[in-house]
């Protein structure tokens, strides 16, 4: 049995980090030809289809008897945290590159902590404050004139803006359902949230003047292999590995190991995308990951 293998939970959590890192690289390549809205819609539809037969394998059911307002809350969470946030993330990825995005993404944890303070009444420790300061310092260091490389100042600031907004909306999408998340099966929650994400993206496309051109980037693009493989690895495989890792080890350990995805993204961006590694970026990724660990576990 899988649970009898030594350190299986930690191994699965590490594979989660590696899988997500590879997915980000694939999304970056896909984003060279595919519009962010089209890429996000494709990713979510594929994941929705794949999750459906996976739900019973984890002992969950597709339909649960809960109040209508809780279904609506999950759909709203998906619309914001998946439909809007992931589109902003893809836009930021296109502008900044994977290496810098890995550092900007560290802001997700401070947003979660800050929103939990306001909405859930959580408290903030001194070490968490230190962690937040480290993460902000990481972003400022990595995106300095020396750290940003050949990215134009306009693209740099727009990329940072989209990245910050992506992390903020992702955090809102999670914190708003935190009480419901604690008592609900994760795969089922994920499926309902993805429905919400697809719904808002469908509305955006329906109202967009260039909807045919946007959809056309999926249909006619030569980079469909990046789109398909990135969506499978990023939206489905990494999620299943993450759930399995959480199941077979302590939550705190799984979360800590999964955070190494930022480091893997940083390294893979240099290897496969030939993005520059300099002292500012190195300092940024070290500060950022260390800050995330402090914010999460202090």
C-alpha atoms as a PDB file:
ATOM      1  CA  UNK A   1       0.000   0.000   0.000  1.00  0.00           C
ATOM      2  CA  UNK A   2       1.170   3.517  -0.796  1.00  0.00           C
ATOM      3  CA  UNK A   3       0.812   4.729   2.794  1.00  0.00           C
ATOM      4  CA  UNK A   4       3.410   2.190   3.986  1.00  0.00           C
ATOM      5  CA  UNK A   5       6.169   3.726   1.843  1.00  0.00           C
ATOM      6  CA  UNK A   6       8.662   5.797   3.882  1.00  0.00           C
ATOM      7  CA  UNK A   7       8.156   9.586   3.699  1.00  0.00           C
ATOM      8  CA  UNK A   8       5.499   9.183   1.012  1.00  0.00           C
ATOM      9  CA  UNK A   9       3.631  12.321   2.098  1.00  0.00           C
ATOM     10  CA  UNK A  10       6.755  14.469   1.980  1.00  0.00           C
ATOM     11  CA  UNK A  11       7.692  12.996  -1.409  1.00  0.00           C
ATOM     12  CA  UNK A  12       4.258  13.732  -2.860  1.00  0.00           C
ATOM     13  CA  UNK A  13       4.404  17.298  -1.531  1.00  0.00           C
ATOM     14  CA  UNK A  14       7.792  17.783  -3.164  1.00  0.00           C
ATOM     15  CA  UNK A  15       6.400  16.403  -6.434  1.00  0.00           C
ATOM     16  CA  UNK A  16       3.570  18.944  -6.088  1.00  0.00           C
ATOM     17  CA  UNK A  17       6.096  21.765  -5.991  1.00  0.00           C
ATOM     18  CA  UNK A  18       8.009  20.394  -8.983  1.00  0.00           C
ATOM     19  CA  UNK A  19       4.820  19.787 -10.992  1.00  0.00           C
ATOM     20  CA  UNK A  20       3.517  23.311 -10.388  1.00  0.00           C
ATOM     21  CA  UNK A  21       6.920  24.780 -11.288  1.00  0.00           C
ATOM     22  CA  UNK A  22       6.935  22.911 -14.608  1.00  0.00           C
ATOM     23  CA  UNK A  23       3.338  24.016 -15.214  1.00  0.00           C
ATOM     24  CA  UNK A  24       4.313  27.678 -14.788  1.00  0.00           C
ATOM     25  CA  UNK A  25       7.089  27.242 -17.357  1.00  0.00           C
ATOM     26  CA  UNK A  26       4.604  25.638 -19.764  1.00  0.00           C
ATOM     27  CA  UNK A  27       2.070  28.417 -19.132  1.00  0.00           C
ATOM     28  CA  UNK A  28       4.766  30.981 -19.921  1.00  0.00           C
ATOM     29  CA  UNK A  29       5.451  29.280 -23.266  1.00  0.00           C
ATOM     30  CA  UNK A  30       1.726  28.968 -23.978  1.00  0.00           C
ATOM     31  CA  UNK A  31       1.209  32.639 -23.123  1.00  0.00           C
ATOM     32  CA  UNK A  32       3.437  33.634 -26.018  1.00  0.00           C
ATOM     33  CA  UNK A  33       0.601  32.781 -28.408  1.00  0.00           C
ATOM     34  CA  UNK A  34      -2.527  32.238 -26.282  1.00  0.00           C
ATOM     35  CA  UNK A  35      -4.576  35.065 -24.746  1.00  0.00           C
ATOM     36  CA  UNK A  36      -4.723  34.905 -20.886  1.00  0.00           C
ATOM     37  CA  UNK A  37      -8.527  34.655 -20.860  1.00  0.00           C
ATOM     38  CA  UNK A  38      -8.517  31.814 -23.402  1.00  0.00           C
ATOM     39  CA  UNK A  39      -5.728  29.992 -21.554  1.00  0.00           C
ATOM     40  CA  UNK A  40      -7.534  30.264 -18.221  1.00  0.00           C
ATOM     41  CA  UNK A  41     -10.827  29.083 -19.712  1.00  0.00           C
ATOM     42  CA  UNK A  42      -9.142  26.107 -21.392  1.00  0.00           C
ATOM     43  CA  UNK A  43      -7.286  25.202 -18.188  1.00  0.00           C
ATOM     44  CA  UNK A  44     -10.431  25.258 -16.066  1.00  0.00           C
ATOM     45  CA  UNK A  45     -12.607  23.310 -18.507  1.00  0.00           C
ATOM     46  CA  UNK A  46      -9.963  20.590 -18.823  1.00  0.00           C
ATOM     47  CA  UNK A  47      -9.546  20.395 -15.047  1.00  0.00           C
ATOM     48  CA  UNK A  48     -13.323  20.275 -14.506  1.00  0.00           C
ATOM     49  CA  UNK A  49     -13.617  17.321 -16.865  1.00  0.00           C
ATOM     50  CA  UNK A  50     -10.723  15.456 -15.237  1.00  0.00           C
ATOM     51  CA  UNK A  51     -11.795  16.103 -11.642  1.00  0.00           C
ATOM     52  CA  UNK A  52     -15.296  14.679 -12.184  1.00  0.00           C
ATOM     53  CA  UNK A  53     -14.217  10.994 -12.368  1.00  0.00           C
ATOM     54  CA  UNK A  54     -11.534  11.622  -9.713  1.00  0.00           C
ATOM     55  CA  UNK A  55     -13.988  12.709  -7.014  1.00  0.00           C
ATOM     56  CA  UNK A  56     -15.339   9.178  -6.283  1.00  0.00           C
ATOM     57  CA  UNK A  57     -11.765   7.807  -6.226  1.00  0.00           C
ATOM     58  CA  UNK A  58     -11.135   9.987  -3.167  1.00  0.00           C
ATOM     59  CA  UNK A  59     -14.359   8.786  -1.556  1.00  0.00           C
ATOM     60  CA  UNK A  60     -16.233  12.014  -2.230  1.00  0.00           C
ATOM     61  CA  UNK A  61     -19.599  12.639  -3.851  1.00  0.00           C
ATOM     62  CA  UNK A  62     -20.384  15.157  -6.567  1.00  0.00           C
ATOM     63  CA  UNK A  63     -23.617  16.483  -5.084  1.00  0.00           C
ATOM     64  CA  UNK A  64     -23.893  17.495  -1.442  1.00  0.00           C
ATOM     65  CA  UNK A  65     -26.922  18.657   0.472  1.00  0.00           C
ATOM     66  CA  UNK A  66     -25.937  22.158   1.592  1.00  0.00           C
ATOM     67  CA  UNK A  67     -27.805  25.494   1.632  1.00  0.00           C
ATOM     68  CA  UNK A  68     -28.045  27.366  -1.664  1.00  0.00           C
ATOM     69  CA  UNK A  69     -26.180  30.341  -0.256  1.00  0.00           C
ATOM     70  CA  UNK A  70     -23.123  28.129   0.369  1.00  0.00           C
ATOM     71  CA  UNK A  71     -23.144  26.954  -3.250  1.00  0.00           C
ATOM     72  CA  UNK A  72     -23.373  30.595  -4.351  1.00  0.00           C
ATOM     73  CA  UNK A  73     -20.486  31.496  -2.051  1.00  0.00           C
ATOM     74  CA  UNK A  74     -18.306  28.783  -3.590  1.00  0.00           C
ATOM     75  CA  UNK A  75     -19.224  29.892  -7.113  1.00  0.00           C
ATOM     76  CA  UNK A  76     -18.359  33.493  -6.235  1.00  0.00           C
ATOM     77  CA  UNK A  77     -15.088  32.322  -4.718  1.00  0.00           C
ATOM     78  CA  UNK A  78     -14.219  30.479  -7.929  1.00  0.00           C
ATOM     79  CA  UNK A  79     -15.242  33.411 -10.108  1.00  0.00           C
ATOM     80  CA  UNK A  80     -12.886  35.683  -8.204  1.00  0.00           C
ATOM     81  CA  UNK A  81     -10.105  33.342  -7.096  1.00  0.00           C
ATOM     82  CA  UNK A  82      -9.868  31.286 -10.305  1.00  0.00           C
ATOM     83  CA  UNK A  83     -11.608  33.164 -13.119  1.00  0.00           C
ATOM     84  CA  UNK A  84     -10.215  36.624 -12.337  1.00  0.00           C
ATOM     85  CA  UNK A  85      -7.064  35.794 -10.348  1.00  0.00           C
ATOM     86  CA  UNK A  86      -5.602  33.199 -12.713  1.00  0.00           C
ATOM     87  CA  UNK A  87      -6.179  35.465 -15.718  1.00  0.00           C
ATOM     88  CA  UNK A  88      -4.288  38.250 -13.939  1.00  0.00           C
ATOM     89  CA  UNK A  89      -1.573  35.736 -13.040  1.00  0.00           C
ATOM     90  CA  UNK A  90      -1.136  34.692 -16.685  1.00  0.00           C
ATOM     91  CA  UNK A  91      -0.953  38.346 -17.729  1.00  0.00           C
ATOM     92  CA  UNK A  92       1.709  39.003 -15.087  1.00  0.00           C
ATOM     93  CA  UNK A  93       3.609  35.877 -16.176  1.00  0.00           C
ATOM     94  CA  UNK A  94       3.665  37.099 -19.783  1.00  0.00           C
ATOM     95  CA  UNK A  95       5.060  40.488 -18.761  1.00  0.00           C
ATOM     96  CA  UNK A  96       7.539  39.554 -16.017  1.00  0.00           C
ATOM     97  CA  UNK A  97       8.655  36.059 -16.891  1.00  0.00           C
ATOM     98  CA  UNK A  98       8.531  33.047 -14.595  1.00  0.00           C
ATOM     99  CA  UNK A  99      11.525  33.987 -12.438  1.00  0.00           C
ATOM    100  CA  UNK A 100      10.156  37.322 -11.245  1.00  0.00           C
ATOM    101  CA  UNK A 101       6.608  35.996 -10.978  1.00  0.00           C
ATOM    102  CA  UNK A 102       7.884  33.346  -8.546  1.00  0.00           C
ATOM    103  CA  UNK A 103       9.024  36.163  -6.261  1.00  0.00           C
ATOM    104  CA  UNK A 104       5.911  38.323  -6.651  1.00  0.00           C
ATOM    105  CA  UNK A 105       3.792  35.244  -5.863  1.00  0.00           C
ATOM    106  CA  UNK A 106       5.260  35.223  -2.364  1.00  0.00           C
ATOM    107  CA  UNK A 107       2.834  38.081  -1.614  1.00  0.00           C
ATOM    108  CA  UNK A 108      -0.005  35.534  -1.512  1.00  0.00           C
ATOM    109  CA  UNK A 109       0.744  34.552   2.091  1.00  0.00           C
ATOM    110  CA  UNK A 110       0.714  38.132   3.466  1.00  0.00           C
ATOM    111  CA  UNK A 111      -2.611  38.738   1.721  1.00  0.00           C
ATOM    112  CA  UNK A 112      -4.037  35.582   3.315  1.00  0.00           C
ATOM    113  CA  UNK A 113      -2.795  36.668   6.750  1.00  0.00           C
ATOM    114  CA  UNK A 114      -4.067  40.230   6.336  1.00  0.00           C
ATOM    115  CA  UNK A 115      -7.520  39.180   5.168  1.00  0.00           C
ATOM    116  CA  UNK A 116      -7.751  36.589   7.946  1.00  0.00           C
ATOM    117  CA  UNK A 117      -7.070  39.362  10.456  1.00  0.00           C
ATOM    118  CA  UNK A 118      -9.945  41.432   9.075  1.00  0.00           C
ATOM    119  CA  UNK A 119     -12.544  38.744   8.263  1.00  0.00           C
ATOM    120  CA  UNK A 120     -11.753  35.859  10.596  1.00  0.00           C
ATOM    121  CA  UNK A 121     -10.350  37.666  13.615  1.00  0.00           C
ATOM    122  CA  UNK A 122      -6.985  35.899  13.467  1.00  0.00           C
ATOM    123  CA  UNK A 123      -3.979  37.389  15.270  1.00  0.00           C
ATOM    124  CA  UNK A 124      -0.564  38.315  13.883  1.00  0.00           C
ATOM    125  CA  UNK A 125       2.703  37.321  15.579  1.00  0.00           C
ATOM    126  CA  UNK A 126       5.901  39.345  15.616  1.00  0.00           C
ATOM    127  CA  UNK A 127       7.619  36.758  13.403  1.00  0.00           C
ATOM    128  CA  UNK A 128       4.795  36.958  10.882  1.00  0.00           C
ATOM    129  CA  UNK A 129       5.316  40.727  10.694  1.00  0.00           C
ATOM    130  CA  UNK A 130       9.021  40.058  10.061  1.00  0.00           C
ATOM    131  CA  UNK A 131       8.031  37.578   7.346  1.00  0.00           C
ATOM    132  CA  UNK A 132       5.790  40.120   5.622  1.00  0.00           C
ATOM    133  CA  UNK A 133       8.583  42.700   5.661  1.00  0.00           C
ATOM    134  CA  UNK A 134      10.962  40.111   4.164  1.00  0.00           C
ATOM    135  CA  UNK A 135       8.518  39.308   1.347  1.00  0.00           C
ATOM    136  CA  UNK A 136       7.964  42.978   0.483  1.00  0.00           C
ATOM    137  CA  UNK A 137      11.735  43.491   0.550  1.00  0.00           C
ATOM    138  CA  UNK A 138      12.137  40.470  -1.746  1.00  0.00           C
ATOM    139  CA  UNK A 139       9.794  41.925  -4.363  1.00  0.00           C
ATOM    140  CA  UNK A 140      11.436  45.362  -4.168  1.00  0.00           C
ATOM    141  CA  UNK A 141      14.930  43.856  -4.459  1.00  0.00           C
ATOM    142  CA  UNK A 142      14.130  41.532  -7.374  1.00  0.00           C
ATOM    143  CA  UNK A 143      12.270  44.194  -9.349  1.00  0.00           C
ATOM    144  CA  UNK A 144      14.892  46.900  -8.922  1.00  0.00           C
ATOM    145  CA  UNK A 145      16.590  48.330 -11.998  1.00  0.00           C
ATOM    146  CA  UNK A 146      19.456  45.831 -11.695  1.00  0.00           C
ATOM    147  CA  UNK A 147      17.203  42.911 -10.867  1.00  0.00           C
ATOM    148  CA  UNK A 148      14.607  43.344 -13.596  1.00  0.00           C
ATOM    149  CA  UNK A 149      17.042  42.697 -16.439  1.00  0.00           C
ATOM    150  CA  UNK A 150      15.880  43.706 -19.932  1.00  0.00           C
ATOM    151  CA  UNK A 151      12.188  44.083 -19.025  1.00  0.00           C
ATOM    152  CA  UNK A 152      10.957  47.585 -19.867  1.00  0.00           C
ATOM    153  CA  UNK A 153       9.883  49.743 -16.922  1.00  0.00           C
ATOM    154  CA  UNK A 154       6.325  49.843 -18.285  1.00  0.00           C
ATOM    155  CA  UNK A 155       6.063  46.046 -18.518  1.00  0.00           C
ATOM    156  CA  UNK A 156       7.760  45.695 -15.140  1.00  0.00           C
ATOM    157  CA  UNK A 157       5.280  47.893 -13.313  1.00  0.00           C
ATOM    158  CA  UNK A 158       2.288  46.483 -15.179  1.00  0.00           C
ATOM    159  CA  UNK A 159       3.505  42.947 -14.456  1.00  0.00           C
ATOM    160  CA  UNK A 160       3.925  43.730 -10.772  1.00  0.00           C
ATOM    161  CA  UNK A 161       0.465  45.329 -10.665  1.00  0.00           C
ATOM    162  CA  UNK A 162      -1.189  42.324 -12.319  1.00  0.00           C
ATOM    163  CA  UNK A 163       0.773  39.968 -10.057  1.00  0.00           C
ATOM    164  CA  UNK A 164      -0.215  41.803  -6.873  1.00  0.00           C
ATOM    165  CA  UNK A 165      -3.862  41.922  -7.957  1.00  0.00           C
ATOM    166  CA  UNK A 166      -3.720  38.203  -8.793  1.00  0.00           C
ATOM    167  CA  UNK A 167      -2.409  37.298  -5.331  1.00  0.00           C
ATOM    168  CA  UNK A 168      -4.935  39.615  -3.664  1.00  0.00           C
ATOM    169  CA  UNK A 169      -7.933  38.167  -5.509  1.00  0.00           C
ATOM    170  CA  UNK A 170      -6.707  34.598  -4.946  1.00  0.00           C
ATOM    171  CA  UNK A 171      -6.470  35.332  -1.238  1.00  0.00           C
ATOM    172  CA  UNK A 172      -9.944  36.886  -1.120  1.00  0.00           C
ATOM    173  CA  UNK A 173     -11.339  33.866  -2.968  1.00  0.00           C
ATOM    174  CA  UNK A 174      -9.938  31.519  -0.300  1.00  0.00           C
ATOM    175  CA  UNK A 175     -10.527  33.537   2.872  1.00  0.00           C
ATOM    176  CA  UNK A 176     -14.174  34.193   1.974  1.00  0.00           C
ATOM    177  CA  UNK A 177     -14.881  30.429   2.063  1.00  0.00           C
ATOM    178  CA  UNK A 178     -12.455  29.456   4.864  1.00  0.00           C
ATOM    179  CA  UNK A 179     -15.163  28.318   7.351  1.00  0.00           C
ATOM    180  CA  UNK A 180     -16.901  26.314   4.595  1.00  0.00           C
ATOM    181  CA  UNK A 181     -13.577  24.935   3.362  1.00  0.00           C
ATOM    182  CA  UNK A 182     -12.778  23.519   6.800  1.00  0.00           C
ATOM    183  CA  UNK A 183     -15.843  21.263   6.766  1.00  0.00           C
ATOM    184  CA  UNK A 184     -16.066  20.319   3.076  1.00  0.00           C
ATOM    185  CA  UNK A 185     -14.288  17.757   0.835  1.00  0.00           C
ATOM    186  CA  UNK A 186     -11.491  19.515  -1.046  1.00  0.00           C
ATOM    187  CA  UNK A 187     -12.052  17.963  -4.485  1.00  0.00           C
ATOM    188  CA  UNK A 188     -15.739  18.804  -4.369  1.00  0.00           C
ATOM    189  CA  UNK A 189     -14.956  22.385  -3.347  1.00  0.00           C
ATOM    190  CA  UNK A 190     -12.415  22.621  -6.160  1.00  0.00           C
ATOM    191  CA  UNK A 191     -14.923  21.394  -8.751  1.00  0.00           C
ATOM    192  CA  UNK A 192     -17.614  23.876  -7.687  1.00  0.00           C
ATOM    193  CA  UNK A 193     -15.097  26.739  -7.622  1.00  0.00           C
ATOM    194  CA  UNK A 194     -13.893  25.858 -11.113  1.00  0.00           C
ATOM    195  CA  UNK A 195     -17.497  26.019 -12.331  1.00  0.00           C
ATOM    196  CA  UNK A 196     -17.619  29.551 -10.944  1.00  0.00           C
ATOM    197  CA  UNK A 197     -14.372  30.379 -12.705  1.00  0.00           C
ATOM    198  CA  UNK A 198     -15.632  29.072 -16.040  1.00  0.00           C
ATOM    199  CA  UNK A 199     -18.899  30.975 -15.660  1.00  0.00           C
ATOM    200  CA  UNK A 200     -17.238  34.369 -15.161  1.00  0.00           C
ATOM    201  CA  UNK A 201     -14.791  33.734 -18.015  1.00  0.00           C
ATOM    202  CA  UNK A 202     -17.675  32.779 -20.306  1.00  0.00           C
ATOM    203  CA  UNK A 203     -19.403  36.065 -19.464  1.00  0.00           C
ATOM    204  CA  UNK A 204     -16.205  38.035 -20.103  1.00  0.00           C
ATOM    205  CA  UNK A 205     -15.783  36.371 -23.484  1.00  0.00           C
ATOM    206  CA  UNK A 206     -19.428  36.883 -24.427  1.00  0.00           C
ATOM    207  CA  UNK A 207     -19.120  40.621 -23.751  1.00  0.00           C
ATOM    208  CA  UNK A 208     -15.659  41.084 -25.240  1.00  0.00           C
ATOM    209  CA  UNK A 209     -15.470  42.715 -28.653  1.00  0.00           C
ATOM    210  CA  UNK A 210     -12.563  40.507 -29.717  1.00  0.00           C
ATOM    211  CA  UNK A 211     -13.985  37.225 -28.426  1.00  0.00           C
ATOM    212  CA  UNK A 212     -13.452  35.412 -31.733  1.00  0.00           C
ATOM    213  CA  UNK A 213      -9.827  36.450 -31.876  1.00  0.00           C
ATOM    214  CA  UNK A 214      -9.309  35.419 -28.243  1.00  0.00           C
ATOM    215  CA  UNK A 215     -10.820  31.969 -28.778  1.00  0.00           C
ATOM    216  CA  UNK A 216      -8.852  31.738 -31.996  1.00  0.00           C
ATOM    217  CA  UNK A 217      -5.579  31.844 -30.063  1.00  0.00           C
ATOM    218  CA  UNK A 218      -6.499  28.469 -28.574  1.00  0.00           C
ATOM    219  CA  UNK A 219      -7.789  26.909 -31.781  1.00  0.00           C
ATOM    220  CA  UNK A 220      -5.170  28.090 -34.257  1.00  0.00           C
ATOM    221  CA  UNK A 221      -2.055  28.355 -32.085  1.00  0.00           C
ATOM    222  CA  UNK A 222       0.965  26.188 -32.839  1.00  0.00           C
ATOM    223  CA  UNK A 223       1.803  26.021 -29.133  1.00  0.00           C
ATOM    224  CA  UNK A 224      -1.173  23.838 -28.202  1.00  0.00           C
ATOM    225  CA  UNK A 225       1.176  21.273 -26.628  1.00  0.00           C
ATOM    226  CA  UNK A 226       2.246  23.843 -24.032  1.00  0.00           C
ATOM    227  CA  UNK A 227      -1.367  24.786 -23.384  1.00  0.00           C
ATOM    228  CA  UNK A 228      -2.558  21.205 -22.990  1.00  0.00           C
ATOM    229  CA  UNK A 229       0.368  19.950 -20.922  1.00  0.00           C
ATOM    230  CA  UNK A 230       0.472  23.075 -18.742  1.00  0.00           C
ATOM    231  CA  UNK A 231      -3.250  22.823 -18.021  1.00  0.00           C
ATOM    232  CA  UNK A 232      -3.027  19.117 -17.200  1.00  0.00           C
ATOM    233  CA  UNK A 233       0.025  19.424 -14.959  1.00  0.00           C
ATOM    234  CA  UNK A 234      -0.907  22.745 -13.351  1.00  0.00           C
ATOM    235  CA  UNK A 235      -4.656  22.504 -12.895  1.00  0.00           C
ATOM    236  CA  UNK A 236      -5.064  18.760 -12.315  1.00  0.00           C
ATOM    237  CA  UNK A 237      -1.908  16.755 -11.579  1.00  0.00           C
ATOM    238  CA  UNK A 238      -0.384  19.208  -9.111  1.00  0.00           C
ATOM    239  CA  UNK A 239      -3.709  19.468  -7.268  1.00  0.00           C
ATOM    240  CA  UNK A 240      -4.039  15.683  -6.937  1.00  0.00           C
ATOM    241  CA  UNK A 241      -0.436  15.406  -5.734  1.00  0.00           C
ATOM    242  CA  UNK A 242      -1.069  18.199  -3.230  1.00  0.00           C
ATOM    243  CA  UNK A 243      -4.165  16.479  -1.836  1.00  0.00           C
ATOM    244  CA  UNK A 244      -2.295  13.164  -1.580  1.00  0.00           C
ATOM    245  CA  UNK A 245       0.635  14.836   0.150  1.00  0.00           C
ATOM    246  CA  UNK A 246      -1.725  16.451   2.660  1.00  0.00           C
ATOM    247  CA  UNK A 247      -3.306  13.054   3.294  1.00  0.00           C
ATOM    248  CA  UNK A 248      -0.111  11.125   4.028  1.00  0.00           C
ATOM    249  CA  UNK A 249       1.825  13.606   6.152  1.00  0.00           C
ATOM    250  CA  UNK A 250       1.237  16.451   8.579  1.00  0.00           C
ATOM    251  CA  UNK A 251      -0.420  19.500   7.034  1.00  0.00           C
ATOM    252  CA  UNK A 252       2.364  21.809   8.219  1.00  0.00           C
ATOM    253  CA  UNK A 253       5.048  19.632   6.622  1.00  0.00           C
ATOM    254  CA  UNK A 254       3.145  19.312   3.340  1.00  0.00           C
ATOM    255  CA  UNK A 255       2.596  23.069   3.200  1.00  0.00           C
ATOM    256  CA  UNK A 256       6.263  23.822   3.911  1.00  0.00           C
ATOM    257  CA  UNK A 257       7.529  21.426   1.231  1.00  0.00           C
ATOM    258  CA  UNK A 258       4.985  22.715  -1.303  1.00  0.00           C
ATOM    259  CA  UNK A 259       6.298  26.267  -0.798  1.00  0.00           C
ATOM    260  CA  UNK A 260       9.541  25.222  -2.492  1.00  0.00           C
ATOM    261  CA  UNK A 261       7.688  25.545  -5.810  1.00  0.00           C
ATOM    262  CA  UNK A 262       8.860  29.178  -5.963  1.00  0.00           C
ATOM    263  CA  UNK A 263      12.472  28.011  -5.871  1.00  0.00           C
ATOM    264  CA  UNK A 264      11.858  25.398  -8.570  1.00  0.00           C
ATOM    265  CA  UNK A 265      10.116  27.980 -10.789  1.00  0.00           C
ATOM    266  CA  UNK A 266      13.078  30.306 -10.356  1.00  0.00           C
ATOM    267  CA  UNK A 267      15.568  27.595 -11.351  1.00  0.00           C
ATOM    268  CA  UNK A 268      13.517  26.150 -14.221  1.00  0.00           C
ATOM    269  CA  UNK A 269      12.958  29.634 -15.664  1.00  0.00           C
ATOM    270  CA  UNK A 270      16.727  30.014 -15.970  1.00  0.00           C
ATOM    271  CA  UNK A 271      17.225  26.537 -17.441  1.00  0.00           C
ATOM    272  CA  UNK A 272      14.353  26.336 -19.936  1.00  0.00           C
ATOM    273  CA  UNK A 273      13.436  29.972 -20.599  1.00  0.00           C
ATOM    274  CA  UNK A 274      16.977  31.350 -20.274  1.00  0.00           C
ATOM    275  CA  UNK A 275      15.814  34.059 -17.894  1.00  0.00           C
ATOM    276  CA  UNK A 276      18.690  35.842 -16.128  1.00  0.00           C
ATOM    277  CA  UNK A 277      19.816  35.010 -12.597  1.00  0.00           C
ATOM    278  CA  UNK A 278      21.572  37.886 -10.852  1.00  0.00           C
ATOM    279  CA  UNK A 279      22.307  38.832  -7.257  1.00  0.00           C
ATOM    280  CA  UNK A 280      19.126  40.857  -6.895  1.00  0.00           C
ATOM    281  CA  UNK A 281      16.929  38.000  -8.071  1.00  0.00           C
ATOM    282  CA  UNK A 282      18.815  35.484  -5.938  1.00  0.00           C
ATOM    283  CA  UNK A 283      18.370  37.700  -2.888  1.00  0.00           C
ATOM    284  CA  UNK A 284      14.714  38.143  -3.786  1.00  0.00           C
ATOM    285  CA  UNK A 285      13.881  34.441  -4.011  1.00  0.00           C
ATOM    286  CA  UNK A 286      15.745  33.646  -0.776  1.00  0.00           C
ATOM    287  CA  UNK A 287      14.068  36.499   1.111  1.00  0.00           C
ATOM    288  CA  UNK A 288      10.681  35.687  -0.395  1.00  0.00           C
ATOM    289  CA  UNK A 289      10.618  31.966   0.400  1.00  0.00           C
ATOM    290  CA  UNK A 290      12.039  32.533   3.888  1.00  0.00           C
ATOM    291  CA  UNK A 291       9.393  35.208   4.482  1.00  0.00           C
ATOM    292  CA  UNK A 292       6.608  32.907   3.302  1.00  0.00           C
ATOM    293  CA  UNK A 293       7.747  30.190   5.711  1.00  0.00           C
ATOM    294  CA  UNK A 294       7.792  32.672   8.591  1.00  0.00           C
ATOM    295  CA  UNK A 295       4.342  34.052   7.727  1.00  0.00           C
ATOM    296  CA  UNK A 296       2.894  30.550   7.378  1.00  0.00           C
ATOM    297  CA  UNK A 297       4.385  28.797  10.387  1.00  0.00           C
ATOM    298  CA  UNK A 298       5.387  31.462  12.947  1.00  0.00           C
END
